[in-house]
Structures are given as structure tokens and as C-alpha cells.
Amino acid sequence: MKEKACMADLKRGQRGVIAKLSAYDDMRRRLQDIGLIEGTVVECLGKSPLGDPTAFLIRGAVIALRREDAGRVLVRLEQEDMGRRRFEEEVAAAAVTQEEDAWD
């Protein structure tokens, strides 16, 4: 089963597939107009220095969305990203352990 998250939580380089839009009325229409349709693959290209907005690659176009708007889009993380995230967590845990050993 694939892990779900909101689009605003994607890290740089992570990819996901649009699962659901939780926006309604004009905002829903705006998100659909820029290509956010269920089944569309999106990739986080990077966040601004203060964290808002975030640039996403959507159907070949780079689109910047505010965190509030990106938070209204639910995505299924791709399997490779979940494996990469686990690997990064393990590397971080190993680095902390090595640092603790160095201070002992």
C-alpha cells in the first residue's frame, strides 16, 4: 500500500501521484486548470528560503504554489521515494550514533 501525504509535505526531489483535491469552488477549478488532476505525477523541485512558496513540476511545467494551496492536494508517494526516505532516516540515525560515540 502506498503512503499518502499532502503535496505541501513533499521534500525536494520527491514525487507523488495526485490522489484527491480537497479544495472546492474557485480554488478547485484553479488547481485543475494548472494540471492537478487525479493520477497526475508531480515532483517537488524546491522550496523558497523561507519555505513558501514551493516549486513543483506538473505535466512538464514548473508551478509555484503556496503551502496553503498545496496542502489541499493529497498525493500517494511513489514507492522509490518511500524507500529513499527510510534510507535517509537510517543514515541520519547512524550519523547521530557515530557522533554520540565520538563524544564519549
Protein backbone atom coordinates (compact mmCIF):
# COMPACT_ATOMS: atom_id res chain seq x y z
CA MET A 1 0.00 0.00 0.00
CA LYS A 2 1.32 3.43 -0.90
CA GLU A 3 1.80 6.13 1.71
CA LYS A 4 -0.29 9.29 1.38
CA ALA A 5 0.68 12.87 2.21
CA CYS A 6 -0.37 16.35 1.23
CA MET A 7 1.56 17.91 -1.62
CA ALA A 8 2.93 20.61 0.70
CA ASP A 9 4.83 17.93 2.66
CA LEU A 10 6.85 16.70 -0.33
CA LYS A 11 10.59 17.23 0.02
CA ARG A 12 12.86 18.36 -2.79
CA GLY A 13 13.14 15.56 -5.36
CA GLN A 14 10.15 13.59 -4.05
CA ARG A 15 7.47 12.53 -6.48
CA GLY A 16 3.84 11.67 -5.90
CA VAL A 17 0.66 10.94 -7.78
CA ILE A 18 -2.39 13.14 -7.21
CA ALA A 19 -4.95 11.13 -5.22
CA LYS A 20 -7.53 13.78 -4.29
CA LEU A 21 -8.22 17.51 -4.29
CA SER A 22 -9.78 18.75 -1.07
CA ALA A 23 -10.39 22.25 -2.44
CA TYR A 24 -13.80 23.42 -3.62
CA ASP A 25 -15.30 26.09 -5.88
CA ASP A 26 -12.84 28.56 -7.46
CA MET A 27 -9.71 27.11 -5.87
CA ARG A 28 -10.54 23.60 -7.09
CA ARG A 29 -11.00 24.95 -10.60
CA ARG A 30 -7.71 26.86 -10.42
CA LEU A 31 -5.80 23.76 -9.29
CA GLN A 32 -7.39 21.70 -12.07
CA ASP A 33 -6.54 24.40 -14.63
CA ILE A 34 -2.83 24.17 -13.78
CA GLY A 35 -2.89 20.39 -14.28
CA LEU A 36 -3.61 18.98 -10.84
CA ILE A 37 -5.92 16.14 -11.86
CA GLU A 38 -6.17 12.76 -10.13
CA GLY A 39 -3.48 10.45 -11.48
CA THR A 40 -1.07 13.25 -12.43
CA VAL A 41 2.55 12.80 -11.34
CA VAL A 42 4.05 15.80 -9.50
CA GLU A 43 7.61 16.39 -8.34
CA CYS A 44 8.83 18.87 -5.76
CA LEU A 45 11.66 20.89 -7.32
CA GLY A 46 12.45 23.05 -4.32
CA LYS A 47 11.22 25.43 -1.67
CA SER A 48 11.97 29.11 -1.29
CA PRO A 49 14.40 30.06 1.51
CA LEU A 50 11.52 30.81 3.89
CA GLY A 51 9.64 27.65 2.85
CA ASP A 52 6.79 29.29 0.96
CA PRO A 53 6.08 29.01 -1.97
CA THR A 54 7.25 25.64 -3.28
CA ALA A 55 8.06 24.87 -6.92
CA PHE A 56 6.53 21.72 -8.43
CA LEU A 57 6.94 20.07 -11.81
CA ILE A 58 3.41 19.41 -13.05
CA ARG A 59 2.84 17.99 -16.55
CA GLY A 60 6.10 19.50 -17.81
CA ALA A 61 5.53 22.97 -16.36
CA VAL A 62 7.14 24.46 -13.25
CA ILE A 63 4.41 25.83 -10.98
CA ALA A 64 4.93 27.62 -7.65
CA LEU A 65 2.21 27.05 -5.05
CA ARG A 66 1.73 28.49 -1.59
CA ARG A 67 1.77 25.97 1.25
CA GLU A 68 -1.92 26.65 1.92
CA ASP A 69 -2.88 25.70 -1.65
CA ALA A 70 -0.51 22.73 -1.91
CA GLY A 71 -1.91 21.45 1.38
CA ARG A 72 -5.27 20.95 -0.30
CA VAL A 73 -3.84 18.30 -2.63
CA LEU A 74 -3.45 14.72 -1.37
CA VAL A 75 -0.77 12.63 -3.10
CA ARG A 76 0.33 8.99 -2.99
CA LEU A 77 4.10 8.85 -2.61
CA GLU A 78 5.87 6.75 -5.19
CA GLN A 79 7.43 3.54 -3.87
CA GLU A 80 11.02 4.63 -4.61
CA ASP A 81 10.50 7.77 -2.51
CA MET A 82 9.30 5.76 0.49
CA GLY A 83 12.41 3.57 0.23
CA ARG A 84 14.64 6.61 -0.12
CA ARG A 85 13.01 8.24 2.93
CA ARG A 86 13.64 5.11 5.04
CA PHE A 87 17.27 5.02 3.84
CA GLU A 88 17.75 8.70 4.73
CA GLU A 89 16.27 8.12 8.19
CA GLU A 90 18.63 5.18 8.75
CA VAL A 91 21.64 7.24 7.62
CA ALA A 92 20.62 10.09 9.94
CA ALA A 93 20.23 7.68 12.86
CA ALA A 94 23.66 6.15 12.14
CA ALA A 95 25.25 9.62 11.99
CA VAL A 96 23.76 10.54 15.36
CA THR A 97 25.09 7.28 16.86
CA GLN A 98 28.57 7.94 15.46
CA GLU A 99 28.51 11.50 16.82
CA GLU A 100 27.47 10.25 20.25
CA ASP A 101 30.34 7.70 20.19
CA ALA A 102 32.80 10.47 19.29
CA TRP A 103 31.76 12.49 22.35
CA ASP A 104 32.01 9.53 24.74
